[in-house]
Amino acid sequence: MAQQNGTLSDEQKQAVLRWEGDLQTLHIERGHLHAFADAIGDPNPLWTDELAARNSRFGGLIAPPTFLRAARSAIPRIPQLSEYTHILDASSEWEYEEPVRVGDTITADLHVKSAAQRNLDVGPAVLVVFESSYRNQFNRVAVRQRSTLVYYKGAQQASEPYKPLHKHHHTPTPRSGVLYWEDVQEGQELPLLTKQCDSMQLVKYAGASRDFYQIHYDKDFALANKLNGIIVHGALKMAFLGQLVTQWMGEWGTLKKLSVQYRGMDVPGDVLTIKGKVTKKYTEGNRYCINCDMRLENGRDEKTTTGRAVVLLPFREAGLQSVPVAQEPSEKAVD
């Protein structure tokens, strides 16, 4: 239990640092991939079109970048932080080693990397950094994740009520050809992606991602947590940034890292514009790398989410052999 002055003792902090979540197992099913892609509004054929995916370099359906959010509860409950009754996402970073495929069995671990007490605008808080690895049935790490959650107990009030905006939506067509490293220039803009979440999409995302934290669909619960109403999942906004970069890079690009920071809240009805720019073009050995900065803005001119991605692209002179080899698909697909 926290001390009365709102701080944790050294013993309590050490207990937080020793906390580990139970191992969680997720069987990757075709229907679940389709539901997740539908929930985030991402029509990429690599995770929605069985025939197109089979004819791709991957040989079958693969998971969208943030799909493994569904592998465990989005809200780890730590006994020593029980008095910090409110929780918000602060940031998340994903590193990809190999594709996650239909038929895979993924086992996810979770442990605390660090914990720090802070006095924030929301009141006394504890920032906890978690690390996870997602291993497939071959005991290979497919994905690593680091995320930061804010555990707080102070009131959080916006300066004025949120005002949902008019319906608007635009999804660019995923790239069908090959994007070569030579064709990309620093400062180049990525095609805009525009979203507008309604309550139906938030419920669909809650089900597909297994993120059932009530602030995303229960107005009374959100108000009781000192919010002005339901808010859009941070992880859903991260999925939008992932969609922006994967649509731009196309089938022959390889997403190696995706990270975001959450700087503000969005609500159902907000028009969300996702933008990106190439910030660095470089080589590492025989890898041809691109760094992109991304941001999500709402109709109130607020930049509520920022992100970065590292992408590998094929080198024209070396041909498609310069693309990292995708691991062989597992033998059995699960419907």
C-alpha atoms as a PDB file:
ATOM      1  CA  MET A   1       0.000   0.000   0.000  1.00  0.00           C
ATOM      2  CA  ALA A   2       1.278   3.507  -0.828  1.00  0.00           C
ATOM      3  CA  GLN A   3       2.302   5.791   2.032  1.00  0.00           C
ATOM      4  CA  GLN A   4      -0.051   8.557   3.123  1.00  0.00           C
ATOM      5  CA  ASN A   5       2.112  11.292   1.576  1.00  0.00           C
ATOM      6  CA  GLY A   6       1.495   9.742  -1.840  1.00  0.00           C
ATOM      7  CA  THR A   7       4.967   8.322  -2.343  1.00  0.00           C
ATOM      8  CA  LEU A   8       6.199   4.760  -2.546  1.00  0.00           C
ATOM      9  CA  SER A   9       8.741   3.426  -0.102  1.00  0.00           C
ATOM     10  CA  ASP A  10      11.938   1.857  -1.446  1.00  0.00           C
ATOM     11  CA  GLU A  11      10.532  -1.548  -0.528  1.00  0.00           C
ATOM     12  CA  GLN A  12       7.349  -0.897  -2.476  1.00  0.00           C
ATOM     13  CA  LYS A  13       9.253   0.367  -5.482  1.00  0.00           C
ATOM     14  CA  GLN A  14      11.439  -2.733  -5.477  1.00  0.00           C
ATOM     15  CA  ALA A  15       8.303  -4.862  -5.380  1.00  0.00           C
ATOM     16  CA  VAL A  16       6.994  -3.003  -8.430  1.00  0.00           C
ATOM     17  CA  LEU A  17      10.276  -3.631 -10.236  1.00  0.00           C
ATOM     18  CA  ARG A  18      10.033  -7.363  -9.459  1.00  0.00           C
ATOM     19  CA  TRP A  19       6.475  -7.637 -10.787  1.00  0.00           C
ATOM     20  CA  GLU A  20       5.951  -9.976 -13.741  1.00  0.00           C
ATOM     21  CA  GLY A  21       2.789 -10.781 -15.631  1.00  0.00           C
ATOM     22  CA  ASP A  22       1.620 -14.304 -16.345  1.00  0.00           C
ATOM     23  CA  LEU A  23       2.614 -15.796 -19.688  1.00  0.00           C
ATOM     24  CA  GLN A  24      -0.164 -15.312 -22.233  1.00  0.00           C
ATOM     25  CA  THR A  25      -0.741 -17.426 -25.343  1.00  0.00           C
ATOM     26  CA  LEU A  26      -2.455 -16.287 -28.522  1.00  0.00           C
ATOM     27  CA  HIS A  27      -3.263 -18.561 -31.468  1.00  0.00           C
ATOM     28  CA  ILE A  28      -3.176 -16.515 -34.659  1.00  0.00           C
ATOM     29  CA  GLU A  29      -6.412 -17.122 -36.521  1.00  0.00           C
ATOM     30  CA  ARG A  30      -7.482 -15.860 -39.926  1.00  0.00           C
ATOM     31  CA  GLY A  31     -10.806 -14.550 -38.596  1.00  0.00           C
ATOM     32  CA  HIS A  32      -9.077 -12.614 -35.825  1.00  0.00           C
ATOM     33  CA  LEU A  33      -6.738 -10.934 -38.323  1.00  0.00           C
ATOM     34  CA  HIS A  34      -9.713  -9.936 -40.449  1.00  0.00           C
ATOM     35  CA  ALA A  35     -11.575  -8.566 -37.421  1.00  0.00           C
ATOM     36  CA  PHE A  36      -8.554  -6.542 -36.315  1.00  0.00           C
ATOM     37  CA  ALA A  37      -7.952  -5.134 -39.813  1.00  0.00           C
ATOM     38  CA  ASP A  38     -11.635  -4.208 -40.044  1.00  0.00           C
ATOM     39  CA  ALA A  39     -11.556  -2.559 -36.612  1.00  0.00           C
ATOM     40  CA  ILE A  40      -8.636  -0.284 -37.553  1.00  0.00           C
ATOM     41  CA  GLY A  41      -9.936   0.294 -41.079  1.00  0.00           C
ATOM     42  CA  ASP A  42      -6.837  -1.091 -42.814  1.00  0.00           C
ATOM     43  CA  PRO A  43      -7.537  -2.934 -46.118  1.00  0.00           C
ATOM     44  CA  ASN A  44      -3.931  -3.999 -46.737  1.00  0.00           C
ATOM     45  CA  PRO A  45      -4.146  -7.299 -48.691  1.00  0.00           C
ATOM     46  CA  LEU A  46      -1.263  -8.790 -46.710  1.00  0.00           C
ATOM     47  CA  TRP A  47      -3.673  -9.171 -43.776  1.00  0.00           C
ATOM     48  CA  THR A  48      -7.064  -9.152 -45.517  1.00  0.00           C
ATOM     49  CA  ASP A  49      -6.765 -10.990 -48.871  1.00  0.00           C
ATOM     50  CA  GLU A  50      -5.820 -14.681 -48.672  1.00  0.00           C
ATOM     51  CA  LEU A  51      -4.994 -15.063 -52.368  1.00  0.00           C
ATOM     52  CA  ALA A  52      -2.966 -11.862 -52.619  1.00  0.00           C
ATOM     53  CA  ALA A  53      -1.052 -12.773 -49.460  1.00  0.00           C
ATOM     54  CA  ARG A  54      -0.287 -16.271 -50.781  1.00  0.00           C
ATOM     55  CA  ASN A  55       1.115 -14.730 -53.963  1.00  0.00           C
ATOM     56  CA  SER A  56       3.241 -12.258 -51.986  1.00  0.00           C
ATOM     57  CA  ARG A  57       6.786 -12.795 -50.733  1.00  0.00           C
ATOM     58  CA  PHE A  58       5.295 -13.896 -47.388  1.00  0.00           C
ATOM     59  CA  GLY A  59       3.367 -16.840 -48.819  1.00  0.00           C
ATOM     60  CA  GLY A  60       0.289 -16.226 -46.674  1.00  0.00           C
ATOM     61  CA  LEU A  61      -1.552 -13.819 -44.410  1.00  0.00           C
ATOM     62  CA  ILE A  62       0.526 -11.907 -41.853  1.00  0.00           C
ATOM     63  CA  ALA A  63      -0.499  -9.748 -38.907  1.00  0.00           C
ATOM     64  CA  PRO A  64      -0.700  -5.924 -38.943  1.00  0.00           C
ATOM     65  CA  PRO A  65       2.093  -4.184 -36.989  1.00  0.00           C
ATOM     66  CA  THR A  66       0.192  -3.698 -33.717  1.00  0.00           C
ATOM     67  CA  PHE A  67      -1.955  -6.852 -33.806  1.00  0.00           C
ATOM     68  CA  LEU A  68      -0.100  -8.478 -30.897  1.00  0.00           C
ATOM     69  CA  ARG A  69      -1.680  -5.933 -28.603  1.00  0.00           C
ATOM     70  CA  ALA A  70      -4.359  -8.627 -28.402  1.00  0.00           C
ATOM     71  CA  ALA A  71      -1.928 -11.090 -26.805  1.00  0.00           C
ATOM     72  CA  ARG A  72      -2.524  -9.777 -23.281  1.00  0.00           C
ATOM     73  CA  SER A  73      -4.612  -7.397 -21.213  1.00  0.00           C
ATOM     74  CA  ALA A  74      -3.829  -3.778 -21.975  1.00  0.00           C
ATOM     75  CA  ILE A  75      -3.865  -2.825 -18.282  1.00  0.00           C
ATOM     76  CA  PRO A  76      -1.418  -4.630 -15.976  1.00  0.00           C
ATOM     77  CA  ARG A  77      -2.602  -4.394 -12.382  1.00  0.00           C
ATOM     78  CA  ILE A  78       0.245  -4.098  -9.873  1.00  0.00           C
ATOM     79  CA  PRO A  79      -0.769  -4.548  -6.203  1.00  0.00           C
ATOM     80  CA  GLN A  80       1.642  -1.903  -4.899  1.00  0.00           C
ATOM     81  CA  LEU A  81      -0.034   0.684  -7.182  1.00  0.00           C
ATOM     82  CA  SER A  82      -3.609  -0.121  -6.151  1.00  0.00           C
ATOM     83  CA  GLU A  83      -4.190   3.432  -4.887  1.00  0.00           C
ATOM     84  CA  TYR A  84      -3.368   4.822  -8.331  1.00  0.00           C
ATOM     85  CA  THR A  85      -6.793   4.061  -9.716  1.00  0.00           C
ATOM     86  CA  HIS A  86      -6.510   5.796 -13.118  1.00  0.00           C
ATOM     87  CA  ILE A  87      -4.293   4.552 -15.940  1.00  0.00           C
ATOM     88  CA  LEU A  88      -3.312   6.083 -19.274  1.00  0.00           C
ATOM     89  CA  ASP A  89      -1.030   5.032 -22.128  1.00  0.00           C
ATOM     90  CA  ALA A  90       2.048   7.254 -22.487  1.00  0.00           C
ATOM     91  CA  SER A  91       4.118   5.562 -25.197  1.00  0.00           C
ATOM     92  CA  SER A  92       4.792   2.303 -26.987  1.00  0.00           C
ATOM     93  CA  GLU A  93       7.641   0.960 -29.116  1.00  0.00           C
ATOM     94  CA  TRP A  94       7.647  -2.205 -31.243  1.00  0.00           C
ATOM     95  CA  GLU A  95      10.634  -3.944 -32.818  1.00  0.00           C
ATOM     96  CA  TYR A  96      10.011  -6.614 -35.452  1.00  0.00           C
ATOM     97  CA  GLU A  97      12.197  -9.661 -36.060  1.00  0.00           C
ATOM     98  CA  GLU A  98       9.943 -11.764 -38.306  1.00  0.00           C
ATOM     99  CA  PRO A  99       6.338 -11.819 -39.526  1.00  0.00           C
ATOM    100  CA  VAL A 100       3.523 -13.150 -37.376  1.00  0.00           C
ATOM    101  CA  ARG A 101       1.446 -15.553 -39.478  1.00  0.00           C
ATOM    102  CA  VAL A 102      -1.892 -17.295 -39.465  1.00  0.00           C
ATOM    103  CA  GLY A 103      -1.297 -20.598 -37.699  1.00  0.00           C
ATOM    104  CA  ASP A 104       1.379 -19.275 -35.345  1.00  0.00           C
ATOM    105  CA  THR A 105       1.119 -19.688 -31.594  1.00  0.00           C
ATOM    106  CA  ILE A 106       2.518 -16.648 -29.819  1.00  0.00           C
ATOM    107  CA  THR A 107       3.557 -16.631 -26.159  1.00  0.00           C
ATOM    108  CA  ALA A 108       3.923 -13.215 -24.547  1.00  0.00           C
ATOM    109  CA  ASP A 109       5.792 -12.383 -21.368  1.00  0.00           C
ATOM    110  CA  LEU A 110       5.661  -9.101 -19.467  1.00  0.00           C
ATOM    111  CA  HIS A 111       7.921  -7.541 -16.852  1.00  0.00           C
ATOM    112  CA  VAL A 112       8.649  -4.114 -15.385  1.00  0.00           C
ATOM    113  CA  LYS A 113      11.782  -2.406 -16.666  1.00  0.00           C
ATOM    114  CA  SER A 114      11.592   0.775 -14.587  1.00  0.00           C
ATOM    115  CA  ALA A 115       9.277   2.818 -12.379  1.00  0.00           C
ATOM    116  CA  ALA A 116       9.507   6.510 -11.527  1.00  0.00           C
ATOM    117  CA  GLN A 117       7.322   8.788  -9.431  1.00  0.00           C
ATOM    118  CA  ARG A 118       6.309  12.118 -10.942  1.00  0.00           C
ATOM    119  CA  ASN A 119       4.037  15.039 -10.165  1.00  0.00           C
ATOM    120  CA  LEU A 120       2.153  15.590 -13.417  1.00  0.00           C
ATOM    121  CA  ASP A 121      -0.759  17.783 -14.488  1.00  0.00           C
ATOM    122  CA  VAL A 122      -3.028  14.883 -13.553  1.00  0.00           C
ATOM    123  CA  GLY A 123      -1.577  14.776 -10.037  1.00  0.00           C
ATOM    124  CA  PRO A 124       0.814  12.349  -8.285  1.00  0.00           C
ATOM    125  CA  ALA A 125       1.704   9.572 -10.699  1.00  0.00           C
ATOM    126  CA  VAL A 126       3.956   6.589 -11.263  1.00  0.00           C
ATOM    127  CA  LEU A 127       5.379   6.035 -14.743  1.00  0.00           C
ATOM    128  CA  VAL A 128       5.981   2.337 -15.317  1.00  0.00           C
ATOM    129  CA  VAL A 129       7.942   1.023 -18.302  1.00  0.00           C
ATOM    130  CA  PHE A 130       7.053  -2.534 -19.308  1.00  0.00           C
ATOM    131  CA  GLU A 131       8.908  -4.855 -21.659  1.00  0.00           C
ATOM    132  CA  SER A 132       7.441  -7.819 -23.528  1.00  0.00           C
ATOM    133  CA  SER A 133       8.715 -10.385 -25.976  1.00  0.00           C
ATOM    134  CA  TYR A 134       6.431 -12.365 -28.262  1.00  0.00           C
ATOM    135  CA  ARG A 135       7.770 -15.816 -29.145  1.00  0.00           C
ATOM    136  CA  ASN A 136       6.318 -18.116 -31.766  1.00  0.00           C
ATOM    137  CA  GLN A 137       5.971 -21.896 -31.617  1.00  0.00           C
ATOM    138  CA  PHE A 138       9.586 -22.269 -32.791  1.00  0.00           C
ATOM    139  CA  ASN A 139      10.764 -20.330 -29.708  1.00  0.00           C
ATOM    140  CA  ARG A 140      11.900 -17.466 -31.931  1.00  0.00           C
ATOM    141  CA  VAL A 141      11.229 -13.907 -30.820  1.00  0.00           C
ATOM    142  CA  ALA A 142       9.019 -12.413 -33.509  1.00  0.00           C
ATOM    143  CA  VAL A 143       8.353  -9.049 -31.858  1.00  0.00           C
ATOM    144  CA  ARG A 144       9.600  -7.043 -28.884  1.00  0.00           C
ATOM    145  CA  GLN A 145       7.629  -4.285 -27.212  1.00  0.00           C
ATOM    146  CA  ARG A 146       8.366  -1.569 -24.683  1.00  0.00           C
ATOM    147  CA  SER A 147       5.472   0.504 -23.339  1.00  0.00           C
ATOM    148  CA  THR A 148       4.947   3.177 -20.695  1.00  0.00           C
ATOM    149  CA  LEU A 149       1.800   3.476 -18.602  1.00  0.00           C
ATOM    150  CA  VAL A 150       0.905   6.354 -16.283  1.00  0.00           C
ATOM    151  CA  TYR A 151      -0.714   5.247 -13.027  1.00  0.00           C
ATOM    152  CA  TYR A 152      -2.278   8.292 -11.351  1.00  0.00           C
ATOM    153  CA  LYS A 153      -4.882   9.261  -8.793  1.00  0.00           C
ATOM    154  CA  GLY A 154      -5.352  12.981  -9.355  1.00  0.00           C
ATOM    155  CA  ALA A 155      -8.260  14.535 -11.220  1.00  0.00           C
ATOM    156  CA  GLN A 156      -7.902  15.119 -14.922  1.00  0.00           C
ATOM    157  CA  GLN A 157     -10.067  17.804 -16.469  1.00  0.00           C
ATOM    158  CA  ALA A 158      -9.983  19.258 -19.954  1.00  0.00           C
ATOM    159  CA  SER A 159     -10.269  23.025 -20.294  1.00  0.00           C
ATOM    160  CA  GLU A 160     -13.569  22.700 -22.182  1.00  0.00           C
ATOM    161  CA  PRO A 161     -15.912  19.930 -23.331  1.00  0.00           C
ATOM    162  CA  TYR A 162     -14.866  18.020 -26.439  1.00  0.00           C
ATOM    163  CA  LYS A 163     -16.821  18.813 -29.592  1.00  0.00           C
ATOM    164  CA  PRO A 164     -17.044  15.970 -32.120  1.00  0.00           C
ATOM    165  CA  LEU A 165     -16.612  17.100 -35.717  1.00  0.00           C
ATOM    166  CA  HIS A 166     -18.265  16.256 -39.028  1.00  0.00           C
ATOM    167  CA  LYS A 167     -17.791  12.839 -40.609  1.00  0.00           C
ATOM    168  CA  HIS A 168     -14.700  12.503 -42.776  1.00  0.00           C
ATOM    169  CA  HIS A 169     -12.610   9.544 -43.848  1.00  0.00           C
ATOM    170  CA  HIS A 170      -9.893   8.871 -46.422  1.00  0.00           C
ATOM    171  CA  THR A 171      -7.752   5.747 -46.832  1.00  0.00           C
ATOM    172  CA  PRO A 172      -5.101   5.751 -49.587  1.00  0.00           C
ATOM    173  CA  THR A 173      -4.772   2.630 -51.712  1.00  0.00           C
ATOM    174  CA  PRO A 174      -1.913   0.398 -50.495  1.00  0.00           C
ATOM    175  CA  ARG A 175       1.142   0.494 -52.767  1.00  0.00           C
ATOM    176  CA  SER A 176       0.971  -2.198 -55.459  1.00  0.00           C
ATOM    177  CA  GLY A 177       4.444  -1.801 -56.973  1.00  0.00           C
ATOM    178  CA  VAL A 178       7.937  -1.902 -55.472  1.00  0.00           C
ATOM    179  CA  LEU A 179       9.289   1.121 -53.612  1.00  0.00           C
ATOM    180  CA  TYR A 180      13.064   1.162 -53.979  1.00  0.00           C
ATOM    181  CA  TRP A 181      15.464   2.865 -51.618  1.00  0.00           C
ATOM    182  CA  GLU A 182      16.862   4.944 -54.484  1.00  0.00           C
ATOM    183  CA  ASP A 183      13.424   6.462 -55.142  1.00  0.00           C
ATOM    184  CA  VAL A 184      13.066   7.929 -51.643  1.00  0.00           C
ATOM    185  CA  GLN A 185      14.417  11.344 -50.665  1.00  0.00           C
ATOM    186  CA  GLU A 186      14.860  12.942 -47.260  1.00  0.00           C
ATOM    187  CA  GLY A 187      12.021  15.388 -46.654  1.00  0.00           C
ATOM    188  CA  GLN A 188       9.601  13.376 -48.792  1.00  0.00           C
ATOM    189  CA  GLU A 189       6.024  13.382 -47.461  1.00  0.00           C
ATOM    190  CA  LEU A 190       4.039  10.179 -47.021  1.00  0.00           C
ATOM    191  CA  PRO A 191       0.472  10.133 -48.435  1.00  0.00           C
ATOM    192  CA  LEU A 192      -2.012  11.502 -45.908  1.00  0.00           C
ATOM    193  CA  LEU A 193      -4.299   9.144 -44.035  1.00  0.00           C
ATOM    194  CA  THR A 194      -7.522  10.492 -42.520  1.00  0.00           C
ATOM    195  CA  LYS A 195      -9.697   8.738 -39.936  1.00  0.00           C
ATOM    196  CA  GLN A 196     -12.791   9.499 -37.930  1.00  0.00           C
ATOM    197  CA  CYS A 197     -13.696   7.046 -35.195  1.00  0.00           C
ATOM    198  CA  ASP A 198     -17.264   6.538 -34.081  1.00  0.00           C
ATOM    199  CA  SER A 199     -18.403   4.548 -31.051  1.00  0.00           C
ATOM    200  CA  MET A 200     -18.950   1.470 -33.231  1.00  0.00           C
ATOM    201  CA  GLN A 201     -15.298   1.444 -34.282  1.00  0.00           C
ATOM    202  CA  LEU A 202     -14.139   1.796 -30.689  1.00  0.00           C
ATOM    203  CA  VAL A 203     -16.247  -1.201 -29.653  1.00  0.00           C
ATOM    204  CA  LYS A 204     -14.961  -3.232 -32.623  1.00  0.00           C
ATOM    205  CA  TYR A 205     -11.377  -2.334 -31.728  1.00  0.00           C
ATOM    206  CA  ALA A 206     -11.947  -3.227 -28.072  1.00  0.00           C
ATOM    207  CA  GLY A 207     -13.099  -6.674 -29.130  1.00  0.00           C
ATOM    208  CA  ALA A 208     -10.391  -7.276 -31.747  1.00  0.00           C
ATOM    209  CA  SER A 209      -7.544  -6.032 -29.543  1.00  0.00           C
ATOM    210  CA  ARG A 210      -9.006  -7.360 -26.268  1.00  0.00           C
ATOM    211  CA  ASP A 211      -8.536  -3.905 -24.753  1.00  0.00           C
ATOM    212  CA  PHE A 212     -11.691  -3.613 -22.678  1.00  0.00           C
ATOM    213  CA  TYR A 213     -10.719  -0.613 -20.546  1.00  0.00           C
ATOM    214  CA  GLN A 214     -14.084   1.097 -20.077  1.00  0.00           C
ATOM    215  CA  ILE A 215     -12.919   4.671 -20.757  1.00  0.00           C
ATOM    216  CA  HIS A 216     -13.134   3.765 -24.451  1.00  0.00           C
ATOM    217  CA  TYR A 217     -16.798   2.752 -24.569  1.00  0.00           C
ATOM    218  CA  ASP A 218     -18.557   3.468 -21.243  1.00  0.00           C
ATOM    219  CA  LYS A 219     -19.353   7.169 -20.839  1.00  0.00           C
ATOM    220  CA  ASP A 220     -20.302   6.934 -17.163  1.00  0.00           C
ATOM    221  CA  PHE A 221     -17.062   5.111 -16.361  1.00  0.00           C
ATOM    222  CA  ALA A 222     -15.048   7.699 -18.296  1.00  0.00           C
ATOM    223  CA  LEU A 223     -16.748  10.545 -16.410  1.00  0.00           C
ATOM    224  CA  ALA A 224     -16.051   8.777 -13.123  1.00  0.00           C
ATOM    225  CA  ASN A 225     -12.378   8.712 -14.138  1.00  0.00           C
ATOM    226  CA  LYS A 226     -12.417  12.517 -14.460  1.00  0.00           C
ATOM    227  CA  LEU A 227     -12.546  12.527 -18.260  1.00  0.00           C
ATOM    228  CA  ASN A 228     -15.070  14.536 -20.270  1.00  0.00           C
ATOM    229  CA  GLY A 229     -16.324  11.392 -21.973  1.00  0.00           C
ATOM    230  CA  ILE A 230     -15.208   8.415 -24.025  1.00  0.00           C
ATOM    231  CA  ILE A 231     -11.749   8.700 -25.600  1.00  0.00           C
ATOM    232  CA  VAL A 232     -10.116   6.933 -28.541  1.00  0.00           C
ATOM    233  CA  HIS A 233      -7.703   4.108 -27.661  1.00  0.00           C
ATOM    234  CA  GLY A 234      -4.084   5.196 -27.794  1.00  0.00           C
ATOM    235  CA  ALA A 235      -3.233   1.842 -29.347  1.00  0.00           C
ATOM    236  CA  LEU A 236      -5.807   2.429 -32.097  1.00  0.00           C
ATOM    237  CA  LYS A 237      -4.065   5.676 -32.973  1.00  0.00           C
ATOM    238  CA  MET A 238      -0.771   3.784 -33.053  1.00  0.00           C
ATOM    239  CA  ALA A 239      -2.376   1.321 -35.475  1.00  0.00           C
ATOM    240  CA  PHE A 240      -3.239   4.270 -37.718  1.00  0.00           C
ATOM    241  CA  LEU A 241       0.429   5.327 -37.766  1.00  0.00           C
ATOM    242  CA  GLY A 242       1.385   1.746 -38.574  1.00  0.00           C
ATOM    243  CA  GLN A 243      -1.135   1.747 -41.422  1.00  0.00           C
ATOM    244  CA  LEU A 244       0.318   4.970 -42.821  1.00  0.00           C
ATOM    245  CA  VAL A 245       3.855   3.600 -43.079  1.00  0.00           C
ATOM    246  CA  THR A 246       2.989   0.062 -44.227  1.00  0.00           C
ATOM    247  CA  GLN A 247       0.741   1.369 -47.011  1.00  0.00           C
ATOM    248  CA  TRP A 248       3.545   3.670 -48.144  1.00  0.00           C
ATOM    249  CA  MET A 249       6.344   1.088 -48.102  1.00  0.00           C
ATOM    250  CA  GLY A 250       4.325  -1.678 -49.805  1.00  0.00           C
ATOM    251  CA  GLU A 251       4.857  -5.441 -49.802  1.00  0.00           C
ATOM    252  CA  TRP A 252       8.609  -5.266 -50.380  1.00  0.00           C
ATOM    253  CA  GLY A 253       9.296  -2.900 -47.515  1.00  0.00           C
ATOM    254  CA  THR A 254      10.125  -4.307 -44.078  1.00  0.00           C
ATOM    255  CA  LEU A 255       8.992  -2.496 -40.946  1.00  0.00           C
ATOM    256  CA  LYS A 256      11.700  -2.909 -38.301  1.00  0.00           C
ATOM    257  CA  LYS A 257      10.616  -0.437 -35.612  1.00  0.00           C
ATOM    258  CA  LEU A 258       7.477   1.523 -34.783  1.00  0.00           C
ATOM    259  CA  SER A 259       7.207   3.817 -31.773  1.00  0.00           C
ATOM    260  CA  VAL A 260       4.677   6.392 -30.567  1.00  0.00           C
ATOM    261  CA  GLN A 261       4.156   8.908 -27.795  1.00  0.00           C
ATOM    262  CA  TYR A 262       0.684   9.980 -26.709  1.00  0.00           C
ATOM    263  CA  ARG A 263       0.475  13.733 -26.124  1.00  0.00           C
ATOM    264  CA  GLY A 264      -3.262  14.311 -25.983  1.00  0.00           C
ATOM    265  CA  MET A 265      -6.698  12.745 -26.170  1.00  0.00           C
ATOM    266  CA  ASP A 266      -9.112  12.339 -29.058  1.00  0.00           C
ATOM    267  CA  VAL A 267     -12.809  11.537 -28.928  1.00  0.00           C
ATOM    268  CA  PRO A 268     -15.350   9.887 -31.211  1.00  0.00           C
ATOM    269  CA  GLY A 269     -16.182  12.240 -34.063  1.00  0.00           C
ATOM    270  CA  ASP A 270     -12.773  13.915 -34.214  1.00  0.00           C
ATOM    271  CA  VAL A 271     -11.231  14.108 -37.674  1.00  0.00           C
ATOM    272  CA  LEU A 272      -7.769  12.572 -37.291  1.00  0.00           C
ATOM    273  CA  THR A 273      -5.159  13.360 -39.931  1.00  0.00           C
ATOM    274  CA  ILE A 274      -2.066  11.159 -39.939  1.00  0.00           C
ATOM    275  CA  LYS A 275       1.015  12.634 -41.603  1.00  0.00           C
ATOM    276  CA  GLY A 276       4.533  11.377 -42.168  1.00  0.00           C
ATOM    277  CA  LYS A 277       7.872  12.511 -43.559  1.00  0.00           C
ATOM    278  CA  VAL A 278      11.145  10.811 -44.441  1.00  0.00           C
ATOM    279  CA  THR A 279      13.772  12.199 -42.063  1.00  0.00           C
ATOM    280  CA  LYS A 280      16.821  10.049 -42.836  1.00  0.00           C
ATOM    281  CA  LYS A 281      18.060   7.784 -45.619  1.00  0.00           C
ATOM    282  CA  TYR A 282      21.114   5.632 -44.869  1.00  0.00           C
ATOM    283  CA  THR A 283      22.733   2.218 -45.057  1.00  0.00           C
ATOM    284  CA  GLU A 284      23.803  -0.220 -42.348  1.00  0.00           C
ATOM    285  CA  GLY A 285      25.975  -2.917 -43.875  1.00  0.00           C
ATOM    286  CA  ASN A 286      23.868  -4.425 -46.649  1.00  0.00           C
ATOM    287  CA  ARG A 287      20.611  -2.961 -45.308  1.00  0.00           C
ATOM    288  CA  TYR A 288      19.001   0.058 -46.941  1.00  0.00           C
ATOM    289  CA  CYS A 289      17.213   2.029 -44.248  1.00  0.00           C
ATOM    290  CA  ILE A 290      14.644   4.811 -44.086  1.00  0.00           C
ATOM    291  CA  ASN A 291      13.582   6.716 -40.957  1.00  0.00           C
ATOM    292  CA  CYS A 292      10.169   8.383 -40.895  1.00  0.00           C
ATOM    293  CA  ASP A 293       8.628  10.782 -38.403  1.00  0.00           C
ATOM    294  CA  MET A 294       4.840  10.714 -38.107  1.00  0.00           C
ATOM    295  CA  ARG A 295       2.153  12.619 -36.273  1.00  0.00           C
ATOM    296  CA  LEU A 296      -1.581  12.502 -35.712  1.00  0.00           C
ATOM    297  CA  GLU A 297      -3.503  15.776 -35.566  1.00  0.00           C
ATOM    298  CA  ASN A 298      -7.147  16.420 -34.764  1.00  0.00           C
ATOM    299  CA  GLY A 299      -9.542  19.119 -35.944  1.00  0.00           C
ATOM    300  CA  ARG A 300      -8.613  21.353 -33.004  1.00  0.00           C
ATOM    301  CA  ASP A 301      -5.057  21.685 -34.389  1.00  0.00           C
ATOM    302  CA  GLU A 302      -3.741  19.498 -31.578  1.00  0.00           C
ATOM    303  CA  LYS A 303      -0.879  17.083 -32.229  1.00  0.00           C
ATOM    304  CA  THR A 304      -2.066  14.261 -29.986  1.00  0.00           C
ATOM    305  CA  THR A 305       0.236  11.427 -31.121  1.00  0.00           C
ATOM    306  CA  THR A 306       3.764  11.438 -32.534  1.00  0.00           C
ATOM    307  CA  GLY A 307       5.666   8.476 -33.873  1.00  0.00           C
ATOM    308  CA  ARG A 308       8.733   7.167 -35.650  1.00  0.00           C
ATOM    309  CA  ALA A 309       9.352   4.217 -37.928  1.00  0.00           C
ATOM    310  CA  VAL A 310      12.410   2.456 -39.313  1.00  0.00           C
ATOM    311  CA  VAL A 311      11.831   0.784 -42.679  1.00  0.00           C
ATOM    312  CA  LEU A 312      14.099  -1.386 -44.846  1.00  0.00           C
ATOM    313  CA  LEU A 313      13.638  -1.063 -48.613  1.00  0.00           C
ATOM    314  CA  PRO A 314      15.058  -3.013 -51.557  1.00  0.00           C
ATOM    315  CA  PHE A 315      18.030  -1.566 -53.454  1.00  0.00           C
ATOM    316  CA  ARG A 316      17.375  -1.430 -57.199  1.00  0.00           C
ATOM    317  CA  GLU A 317      20.886  -2.407 -58.276  1.00  0.00           C
ATOM    318  CA  ALA A 318      20.808  -5.442 -55.975  1.00  0.00           C
ATOM    319  CA  GLY A 319      17.250  -6.380 -56.952  1.00  0.00           C
ATOM    320  CA  LEU A 320      14.673  -7.890 -54.646  1.00  0.00           C
ATOM    321  CA  GLN A 321      17.394 -10.163 -53.251  1.00  0.00           C
ATOM    322  CA  SER A 322      18.339  -7.170 -51.096  1.00  0.00           C
ATOM    323  CA  VAL A 323      15.077  -7.579 -49.142  1.00  0.00           C
ATOM    324  CA  PRO A 324      15.445  -9.437 -45.814  1.00  0.00           C
ATOM    325  CA  VAL A 325      14.256 -13.033 -46.202  1.00  0.00           C
ATOM    326  CA  ALA A 326      10.905 -13.709 -44.547  1.00  0.00           C
ATOM    327  CA  GLN A 327      10.817 -16.841 -42.398  1.00  0.00           C
ATOM    328  CA  GLU A 328       8.979 -19.798 -43.907  1.00  0.00           C
ATOM    329  CA  PRO A 329       5.266 -19.910 -43.004  1.00  0.00           C
ATOM    330  CA  SER A 330       4.067 -22.504 -40.521  1.00  0.00           C
ATOM    331  CA  GLU A 331       2.440 -25.581 -42.030  1.00  0.00           C
ATOM    332  CA  LYS A 332      -1.038 -25.314 -40.613  1.00  0.00           C
ATOM    333  CA  ALA A 333      -3.404 -22.357 -40.961  1.00  0.00           C
ATOM    334  CA  VAL A 334      -6.162 -21.881 -38.425  1.00  0.00           C
ATOM    335  CA  ASP A 335      -9.568 -20.538 -39.470  1.00  0.00           C
END
